[in-house]
């Protein structure tokens, strides 16, 4: 059974900052105002032991880019508190988010050896 919870952004950043490694995937789009720089449009994060690295890091299609990497939770938490970040050589802004985000704790399976495995999906709408 999946367990879902709603967290405030402050709780989310605090929890995320305490994690040694987080697998993250981002969708970034070009900033429209200046035509350079990037804006985070979606993020998916997974925390579990032995997450295999993605077979790719960056797909840049000009106006949209997809990025996959594993980083410290503290580095990712800084993106949300400072509303900006950098990954795979791309500097990006984080739009103002709603006050609450949702997290799902997934069931224990052979791939997720611990019940601490969880996924966080952030969809950003402007």
PDB file of N, CA and C in Angstrom:
ATOM      1  N   UNK A   1       0.836  -1.172   0.000  1.00  0.00           N
ATOM      2  CA  UNK A   1       0.000   0.000   0.000  1.00  0.00           C
ATOM      3  C   UNK A   1       0.888   1.247   0.000  1.00  0.00           C
ATOM      4  N   UNK A   2       0.498   2.232  -0.777  1.00  0.00           N
ATOM      5  CA  UNK A   2       1.229   3.488  -0.811  1.00  0.00           C
ATOM      6  C   UNK A   2       0.784   4.366   0.341  1.00  0.00           C
ATOM      7  N   UNK A   3       1.728   5.106   0.859  1.00  0.00           N
ATOM      8  CA  UNK A   3       1.444   6.040   1.938  1.00  0.00           C
ATOM      9  C   UNK A   3       1.782   7.434   1.418  1.00  0.00           C
ATOM     10  N   UNK A   4       0.812   8.315   1.386  1.00  0.00           N
ATOM     11  CA  UNK A   4       1.035   9.671   0.884  1.00  0.00           C
ATOM     12  C   UNK A   4       0.931  10.652   2.031  1.00  0.00           C
ATOM     13  N   UNK A   5       1.665  11.752   1.887  1.00  0.00           N
ATOM     14  CA  UNK A   5       1.555  12.809   2.882  1.00  0.00           C
ATOM     15  C   UNK A   5       1.795  14.146   2.219  1.00  0.00           C
ATOM     16  N   UNK A   6       1.277  15.180   2.815  1.00  0.00           N
ATOM     17  CA  UNK A   6       1.483  16.536   2.349  1.00  0.00           C
ATOM     18  C   UNK A   6       2.456  17.214   3.304  1.00  0.00           C
ATOM     19  N   UNK A   7       3.458  17.879   2.737  1.00  0.00           N
ATOM     20  CA  UNK A   7       4.467  18.563   3.538  1.00  0.00           C
ATOM     21  C   UNK A   7       4.484  20.036   3.180  1.00  0.00           C
ATOM     22  N   UNK A   8       4.788  20.890   4.157  1.00  0.00           N
ATOM     23  CA  UNK A   8       5.023  22.289   3.813  1.00  0.00           C
ATOM     24  C   UNK A   8       6.381  22.360   3.118  1.00  0.00           C
ATOM     25  N   UNK A   9       6.624  23.439   2.398  1.00  0.00           N
ATOM     26  CA  UNK A   9       7.924  23.593   1.736  1.00  0.00           C
ATOM     27  C   UNK A   9       9.074  23.581   2.741  1.00  0.00           C
ATOM     28  N   UNK A  10       8.846  24.151   3.920  1.00  0.00           N
ATOM     29  CA  UNK A  10       9.885  24.164   4.956  1.00  0.00           C
ATOM     30  C   UNK A  10      10.184  22.746   5.435  1.00  0.00           C
ATOM     31  N   UNK A  11       9.136  21.955   5.707  1.00  0.00           N
ATOM     32  CA  UNK A  11       9.337  20.558   6.114  1.00  0.00           C
ATOM     33  C   UNK A  11      10.031  19.766   5.011  1.00  0.00           C
ATOM     34  N   UNK A  12       9.597  20.003   3.773  1.00  0.00           N
ATOM     35  CA  UNK A  12      10.178  19.322   2.621  1.00  0.00           C
ATOM     36  C   UNK A  12      11.682  19.612   2.525  1.00  0.00           C
ATOM     37  N   UNK A  13      12.059  20.889   2.596  1.00  0.00           N
ATOM     38  CA  UNK A  13      13.476  21.265   2.492  1.00  0.00           C
ATOM     39  C   UNK A  13      14.287  20.697   3.649  1.00  0.00           C
ATOM     40  N   UNK A  14      13.737  20.689   4.849  1.00  0.00           N
ATOM     41  CA  UNK A  14      14.432  20.136   6.011  1.00  0.00           C
ATOM     42  C   UNK A  14      14.652  18.640   5.844  1.00  0.00           C
ATOM     43  N   UNK A  15      13.603  17.914   5.473  1.00  0.00           N
ATOM     44  CA  UNK A  15      13.718  16.468   5.263  1.00  0.00           C
ATOM     45  C   UNK A  15      14.691  16.154   4.132  1.00  0.00           C
ATOM     46  N   UNK A  16      14.558  16.862   3.036  1.00  0.00           N
ATOM     47  CA  UNK A  16      15.415  16.634   1.878  1.00  0.00           C
ATOM     48  C   UNK A  16      16.875  16.920   2.215  1.00  0.00           C
ATOM     49  N   UNK A  17      17.123  17.989   2.963  1.00  0.00           N
ATOM     50  CA  UNK A  17      18.487  18.379   3.324  1.00  0.00           C
ATOM     51  C   UNK A  17      19.225  17.355   4.159  1.00  0.00           C
ATOM     52  N   UNK A  18      18.500  16.467   4.816  1.00  0.00           N
ATOM     53  CA  UNK A  18      19.147  15.463   5.673  1.00  0.00           C
ATOM     54  C   UNK A  18      19.523  14.187   4.916  1.00  0.00           C
ATOM     55  N   UNK A  19      19.159  14.100   3.643  1.00  0.00           N
ATOM     56  CA  UNK A  19      19.406  12.873   2.882  1.00  0.00           C
ATOM     57  C   UNK A  19      20.754  12.914   2.178  1.00  0.00           C
ATOM     58  N   UNK A  20      21.539  11.828   2.293  1.00  0.00           N
ATOM     59  CA  UNK A  20      22.875  11.839   1.671  1.00  0.00           C
ATOM     60  C   UNK A  20      22.826  11.803   0.145  1.00  0.00           C
ATOM     61  N   UNK A  21      21.890  11.071  -0.440  1.00  0.00           N
ATOM     62  CA  UNK A  21      21.822  10.946  -1.898  1.00  0.00           C
ATOM     63  C   UNK A  21      20.368  10.882  -2.354  1.00  0.00           C
ATOM     64  N   UNK A  22      20.072  11.668  -3.366  1.00  0.00           N
ATOM     65  CA  UNK A  22      18.732  11.705  -3.938  1.00  0.00           C
ATOM     66  C   UNK A  22      18.870  11.605  -5.457  1.00  0.00           C
ATOM     67  N   UNK A  23      18.123  10.691  -6.045  1.00  0.00           N
ATOM     68  CA  UNK A  23      18.062  10.582  -7.501  1.00  0.00           C
ATOM     69  C   UNK A  23      17.034  11.604  -7.974  1.00  0.00           C
ATOM     70  N   UNK A  24      17.443  12.500  -8.866  1.00  0.00           N
ATOM     71  CA  UNK A  24      16.554  13.578  -9.301  1.00  0.00           C
ATOM     72  C   UNK A  24      16.490  13.628 -10.827  1.00  0.00           C
ATOM     73  N   UNK A  25      15.312  13.914 -11.325  1.00  0.00           N
ATOM     74  CA  UNK A  25      15.101  14.157 -12.753  1.00  0.00           C
ATOM     75  C   UNK A  25      14.324  15.454 -12.875  1.00  0.00           C
ATOM     76  N   UNK A  26      14.791  16.308 -13.768  1.00  0.00           N
ATOM     77  CA  UNK A  26      14.171  17.610 -13.960  1.00  0.00           C
ATOM     78  C   UNK A  26      13.759  17.823 -15.401  1.00  0.00           C
ATOM     79  N   UNK A  27      12.707  18.609 -15.584  1.00  0.00           N
ATOM     80  CA  UNK A  27      12.362  19.148 -16.894  1.00  0.00           C
ATOM     81  C   UNK A  27      12.537  20.650 -16.785  1.00  0.00           C
ATOM     82  N   UNK A  28      13.373  21.207 -17.629  1.00  0.00           N
ATOM     83  CA  UNK A  28      13.646  22.639 -17.637  1.00  0.00           C
ATOM     84  C   UNK A  28      13.208  23.214 -18.985  1.00  0.00           C
ATOM     85  N   UNK A  29      12.718  24.457 -18.976  1.00  0.00           N
ATOM     86  CA  UNK A  29      12.421  25.146 -20.232  1.00  0.00           C
ATOM     87  C   UNK A  29      13.201  26.447 -20.253  1.00  0.00           C
ATOM     88  N   UNK A  30      13.472  26.937 -21.465  1.00  0.00           N
ATOM     89  CA  UNK A  30      14.167  28.211 -21.605  1.00  0.00           C
ATOM     90  C   UNK A  30      13.342  29.317 -20.974  1.00  0.00           C
ATOM     91  N   UNK A  31      14.026  30.236 -20.287  1.00  0.00           N
ATOM     92  CA  UNK A  31      13.351  31.402 -19.718  1.00  0.00           C
ATOM     93  C   UNK A  31      12.885  32.283 -20.870  1.00  0.00           C
ATOM     94  N   UNK A  32      11.618  32.653 -20.876  1.00  0.00           N
ATOM     95  CA  UNK A  32      11.065  33.425 -21.985  1.00  0.00           C
ATOM     96  C   UNK A  32      11.510  34.878 -21.964  1.00  0.00           C
ATOM     97  N   UNK A  33      11.721  35.448 -20.775  1.00  0.00           N
ATOM     98  CA  UNK A  33      11.990  36.875 -20.677  1.00  0.00           C
ATOM     99  C   UNK A  33      13.254  37.290 -21.418  1.00  0.00           C
ATOM    100  N   UNK A  34      14.319  36.525 -21.296  1.00  0.00           N
ATOM    101  CA  UNK A  34      15.576  36.901 -21.926  1.00  0.00           C
ATOM    102  C   UNK A  34      16.016  35.901 -22.984  1.00  0.00           C
ATOM    103  N   UNK A  35      15.338  34.756 -23.069  1.00  0.00           N
ATOM    104  CA  UNK A  35      15.713  33.756 -24.043  1.00  0.00           C
ATOM    105  C   UNK A  35      16.965  32.976 -23.655  1.00  0.00           C
ATOM    106  N   UNK A  36      17.494  33.237 -22.478  1.00  0.00           N
ATOM    107  CA  UNK A  36      18.630  32.459 -22.001  1.00  0.00           C
ATOM    108  C   UNK A  36      18.392  32.107 -20.548  1.00  0.00           C
ATOM    109  N   UNK A  37      19.061  31.119 -20.077  1.00  0.00           N
ATOM    110  CA  UNK A  37      18.777  30.615 -18.747  1.00  0.00           C
ATOM    111  C   UNK A  37      17.618  29.646 -18.814  1.00  0.00           C
ATOM    112  N   UNK A  38      17.353  28.979 -17.722  1.00  0.00           N
ATOM    113  CA  UNK A  38      16.356  27.917 -17.690  1.00  0.00           C
ATOM    114  C   UNK A  38      15.418  28.105 -16.508  1.00  0.00           C
ATOM    115  N   UNK A  39      14.239  27.506 -16.596  1.00  0.00           N
ATOM    116  CA  UNK A  39      13.251  27.514 -15.516  1.00  0.00           C
ATOM    117  C   UNK A  39      12.835  26.070 -15.263  1.00  0.00           C
ATOM    118  N   UNK A  40      12.834  25.651 -13.985  1.00  0.00           N
ATOM    119  CA  UNK A  40      12.377  24.308 -13.633  1.00  0.00           C
ATOM    120  C   UNK A  40      10.869  24.243 -13.828  1.00  0.00           C
ATOM    121  N   UNK A  41      10.413  23.221 -14.566  1.00  0.00           N
ATOM    122  CA  UNK A  41       8.983  23.037 -14.793  1.00  0.00           C
ATOM    123  C   UNK A  41       8.446  21.789 -14.116  1.00  0.00           C
ATOM    124  N   UNK A  42       9.294  20.793 -13.888  1.00  0.00           N
ATOM    125  CA  UNK A  42       8.861  19.577 -13.207  1.00  0.00           C
ATOM    126  C   UNK A  42      10.082  18.925 -12.581  1.00  0.00           C
ATOM    127  N   UNK A  43       9.850  18.231 -11.456  1.00  0.00           N
ATOM    128  CA  UNK A  43      10.922  17.514 -10.772  1.00  0.00           C
ATOM    129  C   UNK A  43      10.363  16.225 -10.199  1.00  0.00           C
ATOM    130  N   UNK A  44      11.141  15.175 -10.299  1.00  0.00           N
ATOM    131  CA  UNK A  44      10.792  13.901  -9.671  1.00  0.00           C
ATOM    132  C   UNK A  44      12.028  13.436  -8.922  1.00  0.00           C
ATOM    133  N   UNK A  45      11.854  13.080  -7.663  1.00  0.00           N
ATOM    134  CA  UNK A  45      12.968  12.638  -6.841  1.00  0.00           C
ATOM    135  C   UNK A  45      12.651  11.297  -6.217  1.00  0.00           C
ATOM    136  N   UNK A  46      13.675  10.472  -6.079  1.00  0.00           N
ATOM    137  CA  UNK A  46      13.489   9.160  -5.471  1.00  0.00           C
ATOM    138  C   UNK A  46      14.616   8.929  -4.476  1.00  0.00           C
ATOM    139  N   UNK A  47      14.243   8.425  -3.321  1.00  0.00           N
ATOM    140  CA  UNK A  47      15.210   8.107  -2.274  1.00  0.00           C
ATOM    141  C   UNK A  47      15.033   6.640  -1.933  1.00  0.00           C
ATOM    142  N   UNK A  48      16.060   5.858  -2.171  1.00  0.00           N
ATOM    143  CA  UNK A  48      16.042   4.427  -1.857  1.00  0.00           C
ATOM    144  C   UNK A  48      17.487   3.936  -1.937  1.00  0.00           C
ATOM    145  N   UNK A  49      17.791   2.851  -1.258  1.00  0.00           N
ATOM    146  CA  UNK A  49      19.155   2.329  -1.348  1.00  0.00           C
ATOM    147  C   UNK A  49      19.427   1.771  -2.741  1.00  0.00           C
ATOM    148  N   UNK A  50      20.640   1.931  -3.180  1.00  0.00           N
ATOM    149  CA  UNK A  50      21.107   1.330  -4.435  1.00  0.00           C
ATOM    150  C   UNK A  50      20.257   1.679  -5.646  1.00  0.00           C
ATOM    151  N   UNK A  51      19.899   2.942  -5.801  1.00  0.00           N
ATOM    152  CA  UNK A  51      19.173   3.357  -7.002  1.00  0.00           C
ATOM    153  C   UNK A  51      20.178   3.359  -8.150  1.00  0.00           C
ATOM    154  N   UNK A  52      19.897   2.623  -9.216  1.00  0.00           N
ATOM    155  CA  UNK A  52      20.837   2.628 -10.340  1.00  0.00           C
ATOM    156  C   UNK A  52      20.858   4.001 -11.007  1.00  0.00           C
ATOM    157  N   UNK A  53      22.029   4.422 -11.434  1.00  0.00           N
ATOM    158  CA  UNK A  53      22.149   5.702 -12.127  1.00  0.00           C
ATOM    159  C   UNK A  53      21.446   5.611 -13.477  1.00  0.00           C
ATOM    160  N   UNK A  54      20.867   6.718 -13.891  1.00  0.00           N
ATOM    161  CA  UNK A  54      20.244   6.758 -15.213  1.00  0.00           C
ATOM    162  C   UNK A  54      21.333   6.562 -16.255  1.00  0.00           C
ATOM    163  N   UNK A  55      20.983   5.998 -17.374  1.00  0.00           N
ATOM    164  CA  UNK A  55      21.941   5.785 -18.450  1.00  0.00           C
ATOM    165  C   UNK A  55      22.220   7.062 -19.235  1.00  0.00           C
ATOM    166  N   UNK A  56      21.701   8.186 -18.773  1.00  0.00           N
ATOM    167  CA  UNK A  56      21.881   9.467 -19.437  1.00  0.00           C
ATOM    168  C   UNK A  56      21.929  10.562 -18.386  1.00  0.00           C
ATOM    169  N   UNK A  57      22.460  11.728 -18.740  1.00  0.00           N
ATOM    170  CA  UNK A  57      22.504  12.863 -17.824  1.00  0.00           C
ATOM    171  C   UNK A  57      21.719  14.048 -18.360  1.00  0.00           C
ATOM    172  N   UNK A  58      21.861  14.339 -19.653  1.00  0.00           N
ATOM    173  CA  UNK A  58      21.246  15.542 -20.214  1.00  0.00           C
ATOM    174  C   UNK A  58      20.763  15.296 -21.639  1.00  0.00           C
ATOM    175  N   UNK A  59      19.519  15.670 -21.877  1.00  0.00           N
ATOM    176  CA  UNK A  59      18.980  15.779 -23.232  1.00  0.00           C
ATOM    177  C   UNK A  59      18.549  17.231 -23.391  1.00  0.00           C
ATOM    178  N   UNK A  60      19.259  17.978 -24.238  1.00  0.00           N
ATOM    179  CA  UNK A  60      18.967  19.392 -24.461  1.00  0.00           C
ATOM    180  C   UNK A  60      18.389  19.544 -25.860  1.00  0.00           C
ATOM    181  N   UNK A  61      17.109  19.930 -25.930  1.00  0.00           N
ATOM    182  CA  UNK A  61      16.424  20.086 -27.209  1.00  0.00           C
ATOM    183  C   UNK A  61      16.264  21.556 -27.599  1.00  0.00           C
ATOM    184  N   UNK A  62      17.072  22.415 -27.021  1.00  0.00           N
ATOM    185  CA  UNK A  62      17.008  23.840 -27.366  1.00  0.00           C
ATOM    186  C   UNK A  62      16.089  24.617 -26.455  1.00  0.00           C
ATOM    187  N   UNK A  63      14.783  24.401 -26.569  1.00  0.00           N
ATOM    188  CA  UNK A  63      13.837  25.140 -25.722  1.00  0.00           C
ATOM    189  C   UNK A  63      13.431  24.348 -24.482  1.00  0.00           C
ATOM    190  N   UNK A  64      13.743  23.057 -24.455  1.00  0.00           N
ATOM    191  CA  UNK A  64      13.439  22.214 -23.304  1.00  0.00           C
ATOM    192  C   UNK A  64      14.616  21.269 -23.064  1.00  0.00           C
ATOM    193  N   UNK A  65      14.891  20.992 -21.801  1.00  0.00           N
ATOM    194  CA  UNK A  65      15.975  20.073 -21.453  1.00  0.00           C
ATOM    195  C   UNK A  65      15.495  19.130 -20.352  1.00  0.00           C
ATOM    196  N   UNK A  66      15.975  17.892 -20.404  1.00  0.00           N
ATOM    197  CA  UNK A  66      15.699  16.892 -19.381  1.00  0.00           C
ATOM    198  C   UNK A  66      17.033  16.502 -18.763  1.00  0.00           C
ATOM    199  N   UNK A  67      17.072  16.454 -17.434  1.00  0.00           N
ATOM    200  CA  UNK A  67      18.313  16.190 -16.721  1.00  0.00           C
ATOM    201  C   UNK A  67      18.082  15.101 -15.686  1.00  0.00           C
ATOM    202  N   UNK A  68      19.044  14.185 -15.559  1.00  0.00           N
ATOM    203  CA  UNK A  68      18.990  13.132 -14.533  1.00  0.00           C
ATOM    204  C   UNK A  68      20.339  13.089 -13.827  1.00  0.00           C
ATOM    205  N   UNK A  69      20.306  12.987 -12.497  1.00  0.00           N
ATOM    206  CA  UNK A  69      21.545  12.917 -11.726  1.00  0.00           C
ATOM    207  C   UNK A  69      21.221  12.461 -10.310  1.00  0.00           C
ATOM    208  N   UNK A  70      22.244  12.127  -9.557  1.00  0.00           N
ATOM    209  CA  UNK A  70      22.122  11.852  -8.124  1.00  0.00           C
ATOM    210  C   UNK A  70      22.959  12.886  -7.395  1.00  0.00           C
ATOM    211  N   UNK A  71      22.329  13.588  -6.465  1.00  0.00           N
ATOM    212  CA  UNK A  71      22.986  14.673  -5.731  1.00  0.00           C
ATOM    213  C   UNK A  71      22.653  14.554  -4.255  1.00  0.00           C
ATOM    214  N   UNK A  72      23.359  15.338  -3.440  1.00  0.00           N
ATOM    215  CA  UNK A  72      23.027  15.349  -2.015  1.00  0.00           C
ATOM    216  C   UNK A  72      21.685  16.048  -1.822  1.00  0.00           C
ATOM    217  N   UNK A  73      20.953  15.594  -0.819  1.00  0.00           N
ATOM    218  CA  UNK A  73      19.682  16.227  -0.506  1.00  0.00           C
ATOM    219  C   UNK A  73      19.849  17.692  -0.146  1.00  0.00           C
ATOM    220  N   UNK A  74      20.975  18.037   0.509  1.00  0.00           N
ATOM    221  CA  UNK A  74      21.226  19.427   0.898  1.00  0.00           C
ATOM    222  C   UNK A  74      21.336  20.330  -0.332  1.00  0.00           C
ATOM    223  N   UNK A  75      21.997  19.842  -1.385  1.00  0.00           N
ATOM    224  CA  UNK A  75      22.142  20.643  -2.597  1.00  0.00           C
ATOM    225  C   UNK A  75      20.780  20.883  -3.251  1.00  0.00           C
ATOM    226  N   UNK A  76      19.959  19.849  -3.307  1.00  0.00           N
ATOM    227  CA  UNK A  76      18.635  19.986  -3.917  1.00  0.00           C
ATOM    228  C   UNK A  76      17.738  20.880  -3.055  1.00  0.00           C
ATOM    229  N   UNK A  77      17.817  20.744  -1.738  1.00  0.00           N
ATOM    230  CA  UNK A  77      17.021  21.587  -0.839  1.00  0.00           C
ATOM    231  C   UNK A  77      17.362  23.065  -1.049  1.00  0.00           C
ATOM    232  N   UNK A  78      18.641  23.358  -1.313  1.00  0.00           N
ATOM    233  CA  UNK A  78      19.051  24.744  -1.582  1.00  0.00           C
ATOM    234  C   UNK A  78      18.347  25.318  -2.806  1.00  0.00           C
ATOM    235  N   UNK A  79      18.092  24.483  -3.822  1.00  0.00           N
ATOM    236  CA  UNK A  79      17.391  24.966  -5.011  1.00  0.00           C
ATOM    237  C   UNK A  79      16.041  25.567  -4.624  1.00  0.00           C
ATOM    238  N   UNK A  80      15.333  24.878  -3.724  1.00  0.00           N
ATOM    239  CA  UNK A  80      13.986  25.313  -3.371  1.00  0.00           C
ATOM    240  C   UNK A  80      13.993  26.492  -2.408  1.00  0.00           C
ATOM    241  N   UNK A  81      14.990  26.574  -1.542  1.00  0.00           N
ATOM    242  CA  UNK A  81      15.040  27.715  -0.623  1.00  0.00           C
ATOM    243  C   UNK A  81      15.578  28.967  -1.316  1.00  0.00           C
ATOM    244  N   UNK A  82      16.533  28.814  -2.236  1.00  0.00           N
ATOM    245  CA  UNK A  82      17.112  29.962  -2.942  1.00  0.00           C
ATOM    246  C   UNK A  82      16.383  30.271  -4.245  1.00  0.00           C
ATOM    247  N   UNK A  83      15.501  29.338  -4.670  1.00  0.00           N
ATOM    248  CA  UNK A  83      14.736  29.453  -5.909  1.00  0.00           C
ATOM    249  C   UNK A  83      15.622  29.563  -7.144  1.00  0.00           C
ATOM    250  N   UNK A  84      16.771  28.889  -7.078  1.00  0.00           N
ATOM    251  CA  UNK A  84      17.651  28.782  -8.239  1.00  0.00           C
ATOM    252  C   UNK A  84      18.627  27.649  -7.998  1.00  0.00           C
ATOM    253  N   UNK A  85      19.224  27.150  -9.079  1.00  0.00           N
ATOM    254  CA  UNK A  85      20.174  26.059  -8.943  1.00  0.00           C
ATOM    255  C   UNK A  85      20.966  25.850 -10.217  1.00  0.00           C
ATOM    256  N   UNK A  86      21.785  24.798 -10.201  1.00  0.00           N
ATOM    257  CA  UNK A  86      22.604  24.443 -11.352  1.00  0.00           C
ATOM    258  C   UNK A  86      22.756  22.939 -11.383  1.00  0.00           C
ATOM    259  N   UNK A  87      22.601  22.366 -12.566  1.00  0.00           N
ATOM    260  CA  UNK A  87      22.775  20.932 -12.747  1.00  0.00           C
ATOM    261  C   UNK A  87      23.217  20.696 -14.194  1.00  0.00           C
ATOM    262  N   UNK A  88      24.153  19.810 -14.376  1.00  0.00           N
ATOM    263  CA  UNK A  88      24.658  19.451 -15.709  1.00  0.00           C
ATOM    264  C   UNK A  88      25.056  20.677 -16.520  1.00  0.00           C
ATOM    265  N   UNK A  89      25.599  21.692 -15.840  1.00  0.00           N
ATOM    266  CA  UNK A  89      26.043  22.903 -16.528  1.00  0.00           C
ATOM    267  C   UNK A  89      24.937  23.877 -16.878  1.00  0.00           C
ATOM    268  N   UNK A  90      23.699  23.600 -16.471  1.00  0.00           N
ATOM    269  CA  UNK A  90      22.575  24.486 -16.758  1.00  0.00           C
ATOM    270  C   UNK A  90      22.155  25.212 -15.486  1.00  0.00           C
ATOM    271  N   UNK A  91      22.152  26.541 -15.528  1.00  0.00           N
ATOM    272  CA  UNK A  91      21.655  27.329 -14.399  1.00  0.00           C
ATOM    273  C   UNK A  91      20.165  27.547 -14.612  1.00  0.00           C
ATOM    274  N   UNK A  92      19.387  27.380 -13.537  1.00  0.00           N
ATOM    275  CA  UNK A  92      17.935  27.499 -13.678  1.00  0.00           C
ATOM    276  C   UNK A  92      17.329  28.216 -12.487  1.00  0.00           C
ATOM    277  N   UNK A  93      16.121  28.748 -12.712  1.00  0.00           N
ATOM    278  CA  UNK A  93      15.312  29.358 -11.663  1.00  0.00           C
ATOM    279  C   UNK A  93      14.244  28.360 -11.239  1.00  0.00           C
ATOM    280  N   UNK A  94      13.817  28.461  -9.996  1.00  0.00           N
ATOM    281  CA  UNK A  94      12.698  27.663  -9.502  1.00  0.00           C
ATOM    282  C   UNK A  94      11.546  28.636  -9.263  1.00  0.00           C
ATOM    283  N   UNK A  95      10.438  28.500  -9.998  1.00  0.00           N
ATOM    284  CA  UNK A  95       9.303  29.403  -9.779  1.00  0.00           C
ATOM    285  C   UNK A  95       8.765  29.255  -8.354  1.00  0.00           C
ATOM    286  N   UNK A  96       8.031  30.251  -7.916  1.00  0.00           N
ATOM    287  CA  UNK A  96       7.404  30.161  -6.602  1.00  0.00           C
ATOM    288  C   UNK A  96       6.474  28.958  -6.590  1.00  0.00           C
ATOM    289  N   UNK A  97       6.605  28.140  -5.569  1.00  0.00           N
ATOM    290  CA  UNK A  97       5.808  26.921  -5.465  1.00  0.00           C
ATOM    291  C   UNK A  97       4.650  27.119  -4.508  1.00  0.00           C
ATOM    292  N   UNK A  98       3.660  26.233  -4.605  1.00  0.00           N
ATOM    293  CA  UNK A  98       2.588  26.216  -3.619  1.00  0.00           C
ATOM    294  C   UNK A  98       3.202  25.863  -2.266  1.00  0.00           C
ATOM    295  N   UNK A  99       2.528  26.209  -1.197  1.00  0.00           N
ATOM    296  CA  UNK A  99       3.067  26.000   0.148  1.00  0.00           C
ATOM    297  C   UNK A  99       3.217  24.527   0.522  1.00  0.00           C
ATOM    298  N   UNK A 100       2.490  23.633  -0.137  1.00  0.00           N
ATOM    299  CA  UNK A 100       2.561  22.211   0.196  1.00  0.00           C
ATOM    300  C   UNK A 100       3.002  21.381  -1.003  1.00  0.00           C
ATOM    301  N   UNK A 101       3.796  20.361  -0.739  1.00  0.00           N
ATOM    302  CA  UNK A 101       4.173  19.378  -1.755  1.00  0.00           C
ATOM    303  C   UNK A 101       3.728  18.023  -1.234  1.00  0.00           C
ATOM    304  N   UNK A 102       3.604  17.058  -2.138  1.00  0.00           N
ATOM    305  CA  UNK A 102       3.193  15.735  -1.678  1.00  0.00           C
ATOM    306  C   UNK A 102       4.321  14.739  -1.892  1.00  0.00           C
ATOM    307  N   UNK A 103       4.398  13.776  -0.999  1.00  0.00           N
ATOM    308  CA  UNK A 103       5.407  12.718  -1.062  1.00  0.00           C
ATOM    309  C   UNK A 103       4.692  11.391  -0.913  1.00  0.00           C
ATOM    310  N   UNK A 104       5.224  10.376  -1.569  1.00  0.00           N
ATOM    311  CA  UNK A 104       4.670   9.026  -1.462  1.00  0.00           C
ATOM    312  C   UNK A 104       5.736   8.090  -0.936  1.00  0.00           C
ATOM    313  N   UNK A 105       5.388   7.311   0.050  1.00  0.00           N
ATOM    314  CA  UNK A 105       6.271   6.252   0.519  1.00  0.00           C
ATOM    315  C   UNK A 105       5.772   4.980  -0.147  1.00  0.00           C
ATOM    316  N   UNK A 106       6.654   4.345  -0.904  1.00  0.00           N
ATOM    317  CA  UNK A 106       6.269   3.195  -1.700  1.00  0.00           C
ATOM    318  C   UNK A 106       6.390   1.903  -0.908  1.00  0.00           C
ATOM    319  N   UNK A 107       5.680   0.865  -1.307  1.00  0.00           N
ATOM    320  CA  UNK A 107       5.752  -0.408  -0.580  1.00  0.00           C
ATOM    321  C   UNK A 107       7.128  -1.054  -0.732  1.00  0.00           C
ATOM    322  N   UNK A 108       7.475  -1.867   0.234  1.00  0.00           N
ATOM    323  CA  UNK A 108       8.741  -2.597   0.188  1.00  0.00           C
ATOM    324  C   UNK A 108       8.635  -3.687  -0.868  1.00  0.00           C
ATOM    325  N   UNK A 109       9.592  -3.699  -1.779  1.00  0.00           N
ATOM    326  CA  UNK A 109       9.660  -4.720  -2.827  1.00  0.00           C
ATOM    327  C   UNK A 109      11.106  -5.195  -2.884  1.00  0.00           C
ATOM    328  N   UNK A 110      11.416  -6.196  -3.672  1.00  0.00           N
ATOM    329  CA  UNK A 110      12.819  -6.603  -3.791  1.00  0.00           C
ATOM    330  C   UNK A 110      13.730  -5.465  -4.245  1.00  0.00           C
ATOM    331  N   UNK A 111      13.176  -4.490  -5.009  1.00  0.00           N
ATOM    332  CA  UNK A 111      14.018  -3.364  -5.455  1.00  0.00           C
ATOM    333  C   UNK A 111      14.184  -2.306  -4.373  1.00  0.00           C
ATOM    334  N   UNK A 112      13.207  -2.180  -3.472  1.00  0.00           N
ATOM    335  CA  UNK A 112      13.295  -1.176  -2.408  1.00  0.00           C
ATOM    336  C   UNK A 112      13.390  -1.909  -1.086  1.00  0.00           C
ATOM    337  N   UNK A 113      14.595  -2.180  -0.696  1.00  0.00           N
ATOM    338  CA  UNK A 113      14.862  -3.028   0.456  1.00  0.00           C
ATOM    339  C   UNK A 113      14.388  -2.411   1.759  1.00  0.00           C
ATOM    340  N   UNK A 114      14.260  -1.122   1.826  1.00  0.00           N
ATOM    341  CA  UNK A 114      13.880  -0.475   3.071  1.00  0.00           C
ATOM    342  C   UNK A 114      12.538   0.236   2.945  1.00  0.00           C
ATOM    343  N   UNK A 115      11.833   0.361   4.015  1.00  0.00           N
ATOM    344  CA  UNK A 115      10.557   1.066   3.982  1.00  0.00           C
ATOM    345  C   UNK A 115      10.766   2.576   3.917  1.00  0.00           C
ATOM    346  N   UNK A 116      12.025   3.036   3.999  1.00  0.00           N
ATOM    347  CA  UNK A 116      12.294   4.464   3.881  1.00  0.00           C
ATOM    348  C   UNK A 116      12.315   4.925   2.424  1.00  0.00           C
ATOM    349  N   UNK A 117      12.180   3.992   1.491  1.00  0.00           N
ATOM    350  CA  UNK A 117      12.154   4.379   0.078  1.00  0.00           C
ATOM    351  C   UNK A 117      10.951   5.271  -0.166  1.00  0.00           C
ATOM    352  N   UNK A 118      11.144   6.368  -0.848  1.00  0.00           N
ATOM    353  CA  UNK A 118      10.009   7.231  -1.146  1.00  0.00           C
ATOM    354  C   UNK A 118      10.255   7.983  -2.437  1.00  0.00           C
ATOM    355  N   UNK A 119       9.201   8.477  -3.004  1.00  0.00           N
ATOM    356  CA  UNK A 119       9.279   9.277  -4.205  1.00  0.00           C
ATOM    357  C   UNK A 119       8.582  10.605  -3.978  1.00  0.00           C
ATOM    358  N   UNK A 120       9.114  11.654  -4.563  1.00  0.00           N
ATOM    359  CA  UNK A 120       8.514  12.970  -4.448  1.00  0.00           C
ATOM    360  C   UNK A 120       8.377  13.503  -5.864  1.00  0.00           C
ATOM    361  N   UNK A 121       7.177  13.938  -6.207  1.00  0.00           N
ATOM    362  CA  UNK A 121       6.933  14.483  -7.535  1.00  0.00           C
ATOM    363  C   UNK A 121       6.463  15.912  -7.363  1.00  0.00           C
ATOM    364  N   UNK A 122       7.114  16.827  -8.042  1.00  0.00           N
ATOM    365  CA  UNK A 122       6.717  18.240  -7.961  1.00  0.00           C
ATOM    366  C   UNK A 122       6.358  18.683  -9.368  1.00  0.00           C
ATOM    367  N   UNK A 123       5.130  19.086  -9.542  1.00  0.00           N
ATOM    368  CA  UNK A 123       4.688  19.613 -10.825  1.00  0.00           C
ATOM    369  C   UNK A 123       4.536  21.108 -10.642  1.00  0.00           C
ATOM    370  N   UNK A 124       5.137  21.877 -11.527  1.00  0.00           N
ATOM    371  CA  UNK A 124       5.115  23.326 -11.421  1.00  0.00           C
ATOM    372  C   UNK A 124       4.236  23.871 -12.529  1.00  0.00           C
ATOM    373  N   UNK A 125       3.264  24.665 -12.169  1.00  0.00           N
ATOM    374  CA  UNK A 125       2.412  25.293 -13.165  1.00  0.00           C
ATOM    375  C   UNK A 125       2.537  26.794 -13.029  1.00  0.00           C
ATOM    376  N   UNK A 126       2.525  27.474 -14.157  1.00  0.00           N
ATOM    377  CA  UNK A 126       2.627  28.933 -14.083  1.00  0.00           C
ATOM    378  C   UNK A 126       1.441  29.577 -14.733  1.00  0.00           C
TER     379      UNK A 126
END
